[in-house]
């Protein structure tokens, strides 16, 4: 059965702004490289999420979704994608990384 991925408007806006943040904060020297990084992250959400290990979200972060999955961004960055799922449908509600305060609850696992 085909998996259907929906991304909330908040996550969509976050990914659009992430390109600017990565470039303006000089994580990438060229805007095209920041665009490529975010495109790979977006592609991983749409293509890989159904096949990744799904973890139960800790109680402190349940407001972001009942499940989360990990996506490797780089040697130093792990992305956490929070979502709801029902049968073959996924709703991506929040995304953060290991540099954000929320990750304190995930890094203990």
C-alpha atoms as a PDB file:
ATOM      1  CA  UNK A   1       0.000   0.000   0.000  1.00  0.00           C
ATOM      2  CA  UNK A   2       1.319   3.427  -0.964  1.00  0.00           C
ATOM      3  CA  UNK A   3       2.411   5.696   1.886  1.00  0.00           C
ATOM      4  CA  UNK A   4       0.976   9.214   1.892  1.00  0.00           C
ATOM      5  CA  UNK A   5       2.954  12.005   3.562  1.00  0.00           C
ATOM      6  CA  UNK A   6       1.379  15.313   4.562  1.00  0.00           C
ATOM      7  CA  UNK A   7       3.494  18.169   5.914  1.00  0.00           C
ATOM      8  CA  UNK A   8       1.918  20.763   8.197  1.00  0.00           C
ATOM      9  CA  UNK A   9       2.189  24.423   7.130  1.00  0.00           C
ATOM     10  CA  UNK A  10       4.468  25.077  10.115  1.00  0.00           C
ATOM     11  CA  UNK A  11       6.963  22.435   8.999  1.00  0.00           C
ATOM     12  CA  UNK A  12       6.787  23.641   5.408  1.00  0.00           C
ATOM     13  CA  UNK A  13       7.568  27.207   6.547  1.00  0.00           C
ATOM     14  CA  UNK A  14      10.360  25.950   8.801  1.00  0.00           C
ATOM     15  CA  UNK A  15      12.059  24.180   5.904  1.00  0.00           C
ATOM     16  CA  UNK A  16      11.787  27.275   3.711  1.00  0.00           C
ATOM     17  CA  UNK A  17      13.329  29.456   6.419  1.00  0.00           C
ATOM     18  CA  UNK A  18      15.996  26.871   7.182  1.00  0.00           C
ATOM     19  CA  UNK A  19      17.715  27.592   3.871  1.00  0.00           C
ATOM     20  CA  UNK A  20      18.103  31.250   4.813  1.00  0.00           C
ATOM     21  CA  UNK A  21      19.254  30.430   8.367  1.00  0.00           C
ATOM     22  CA  UNK A  22      21.869  27.939   7.202  1.00  0.00           C
ATOM     23  CA  UNK A  23      23.238  30.399   4.661  1.00  0.00           C
ATOM     24  CA  UNK A  24      23.049  33.591   6.753  1.00  0.00           C
ATOM     25  CA  UNK A  25      24.597  31.895   9.812  1.00  0.00           C
ATOM     26  CA  UNK A  26      27.386  30.664   7.514  1.00  0.00           C
ATOM     27  CA  UNK A  27      26.806  26.956   7.986  1.00  0.00           C
ATOM     28  CA  UNK A  28      27.062  26.931   4.194  1.00  0.00           C
ATOM     29  CA  UNK A  29      29.136  29.297   2.116  1.00  0.00           C
ATOM     30  CA  UNK A  30      26.746  29.264  -0.820  1.00  0.00           C
ATOM     31  CA  UNK A  31      22.969  29.547  -0.826  1.00  0.00           C
ATOM     32  CA  UNK A  32      22.794  26.730  -3.385  1.00  0.00           C
ATOM     33  CA  UNK A  33      24.480  24.382  -0.889  1.00  0.00           C
ATOM     34  CA  UNK A  34      21.961  25.305   1.820  1.00  0.00           C
ATOM     35  CA  UNK A  35      19.160  24.702  -0.689  1.00  0.00           C
ATOM     36  CA  UNK A  36      20.611  21.293  -1.567  1.00  0.00           C
ATOM     37  CA  UNK A  37      20.885  20.323   2.126  1.00  0.00           C
ATOM     38  CA  UNK A  38      17.243  21.251   2.829  1.00  0.00           C
ATOM     39  CA  UNK A  39      16.119  19.500  -0.368  1.00  0.00           C
ATOM     40  CA  UNK A  40      17.831  16.294   0.787  1.00  0.00           C
ATOM     41  CA  UNK A  41      16.129  16.645   4.172  1.00  0.00           C
ATOM     42  CA  UNK A  42      12.731  17.200   2.525  1.00  0.00           C
ATOM     43  CA  UNK A  43      13.296  14.236   0.184  1.00  0.00           C
ATOM     44  CA  UNK A  44      14.203  12.020   3.142  1.00  0.00           C
ATOM     45  CA  UNK A  45      10.962  12.998   4.874  1.00  0.00           C
ATOM     46  CA  UNK A  46       8.864  12.122   1.830  1.00  0.00           C
ATOM     47  CA  UNK A  47      10.784   9.023   0.715  1.00  0.00           C
ATOM     48  CA  UNK A  48      12.409   7.474   3.768  1.00  0.00           C
ATOM     49  CA  UNK A  49      10.120   8.224   6.713  1.00  0.00           C
ATOM     50  CA  UNK A  50       7.796   5.231   6.224  1.00  0.00           C
ATOM     51  CA  UNK A  51      10.820   2.890   6.198  1.00  0.00           C
ATOM     52  CA  UNK A  52      12.648   4.322   9.219  1.00  0.00           C
ATOM     53  CA  UNK A  53      12.281   3.121  12.797  1.00  0.00           C
ATOM     54  CA  UNK A  54       9.385   4.935  14.457  1.00  0.00           C
ATOM     55  CA  UNK A  55       9.814   5.785  18.121  1.00  0.00           C
ATOM     56  CA  UNK A  56       7.159   6.687  20.663  1.00  0.00           C
ATOM     57  CA  UNK A  57       7.503  10.361  21.542  1.00  0.00           C
ATOM     58  CA  UNK A  58       8.442  11.039  25.179  1.00  0.00           C
ATOM     59  CA  UNK A  59       5.584  12.532  27.237  1.00  0.00           C
ATOM     60  CA  UNK A  60       7.319  15.927  27.426  1.00  0.00           C
ATOM     61  CA  UNK A  61       7.165  16.272  23.626  1.00  0.00           C
ATOM     62  CA  UNK A  62       3.789  14.636  22.828  1.00  0.00           C
ATOM     63  CA  UNK A  63       2.433  18.025  21.711  1.00  0.00           C
ATOM     64  CA  UNK A  64       4.579  17.598  18.580  1.00  0.00           C
ATOM     65  CA  UNK A  65       3.192  14.195  17.629  1.00  0.00           C
ATOM     66  CA  UNK A  66       2.909  10.669  18.982  1.00  0.00           C
ATOM     67  CA  UNK A  67       5.844   9.343  16.951  1.00  0.00           C
ATOM     68  CA  UNK A  68       9.203  10.532  15.754  1.00  0.00           C
ATOM     69  CA  UNK A  69      11.946   9.288  13.468  1.00  0.00           C
ATOM     70  CA  UNK A  70      15.596  10.234  13.131  1.00  0.00           C
ATOM     71  CA  UNK A  71      17.204  11.552   9.951  1.00  0.00           C
ATOM     72  CA  UNK A  72      20.943  12.029   9.688  1.00  0.00           C
ATOM     73  CA  UNK A  73      21.709  15.533   8.406  1.00  0.00           C
ATOM     74  CA  UNK A  74      25.479  15.621   8.757  1.00  0.00           C
ATOM     75  CA  UNK A  75      28.257  14.343  10.994  1.00  0.00           C
ATOM     76  CA  UNK A  76      27.111  16.708  13.738  1.00  0.00           C
ATOM     77  CA  UNK A  77      23.381  17.022  13.100  1.00  0.00           C
ATOM     78  CA  UNK A  78      20.561  14.560  13.654  1.00  0.00           C
ATOM     79  CA  UNK A  79      17.065  15.678  12.639  1.00  0.00           C
ATOM     80  CA  UNK A  80      14.001  14.535  14.565  1.00  0.00           C
ATOM     81  CA  UNK A  81      10.739  14.427  12.610  1.00  0.00           C
ATOM     82  CA  UNK A  82       7.577  14.275  14.730  1.00  0.00           C
ATOM     83  CA  UNK A  83       4.390  12.949  13.215  1.00  0.00           C
ATOM     84  CA  UNK A  84       1.070  11.207  13.552  1.00  0.00           C
ATOM     85  CA  UNK A  85       0.352   8.085  11.569  1.00  0.00           C
ATOM     86  CA  UNK A  86      -2.750   6.157  10.710  1.00  0.00           C
ATOM     87  CA  UNK A  87      -2.543   3.191   8.391  1.00  0.00           C
ATOM     88  CA  UNK A  88      -0.599   4.449   5.349  1.00  0.00           C
ATOM     89  CA  UNK A  89      -0.921   8.191   6.146  1.00  0.00           C
ATOM     90  CA  UNK A  90       1.623  10.337   7.935  1.00  0.00           C
ATOM     91  CA  UNK A  91       1.179  13.923   9.110  1.00  0.00           C
ATOM     92  CA  UNK A  92       4.493  15.649   9.816  1.00  0.00           C
ATOM     93  CA  UNK A  93       3.845  18.132  12.609  1.00  0.00           C
ATOM     94  CA  UNK A  94       7.259  19.273  13.834  1.00  0.00           C
ATOM     95  CA  UNK A  95      10.938  19.007  13.010  1.00  0.00           C
ATOM     96  CA  UNK A  96      13.939  19.842  15.139  1.00  0.00           C
ATOM     97  CA  UNK A  97      17.542  18.745  15.504  1.00  0.00           C
ATOM     98  CA  UNK A  98      19.977  17.654  18.184  1.00  0.00           C
ATOM     99  CA  UNK A  99      21.110  21.277  18.698  1.00  0.00           C
ATOM    100  CA  UNK A 100      17.631  22.389  19.892  1.00  0.00           C
ATOM    101  CA  UNK A 101      16.440  22.255  23.519  1.00  0.00           C
ATOM    102  CA  UNK A 102      13.798  19.614  22.746  1.00  0.00           C
ATOM    103  CA  UNK A 103      16.517  17.118  21.899  1.00  0.00           C
ATOM    104  CA  UNK A 104      17.470  16.826  25.577  1.00  0.00           C
ATOM    105  CA  UNK A 105      14.500  14.473  25.989  1.00  0.00           C
ATOM    106  CA  UNK A 106      15.491  12.435  22.929  1.00  0.00           C
ATOM    107  CA  UNK A 107      19.223  12.130  23.507  1.00  0.00           C
ATOM    108  CA  UNK A 108      18.598  10.219  26.741  1.00  0.00           C
ATOM    109  CA  UNK A 109      16.969   7.361  24.852  1.00  0.00           C
END
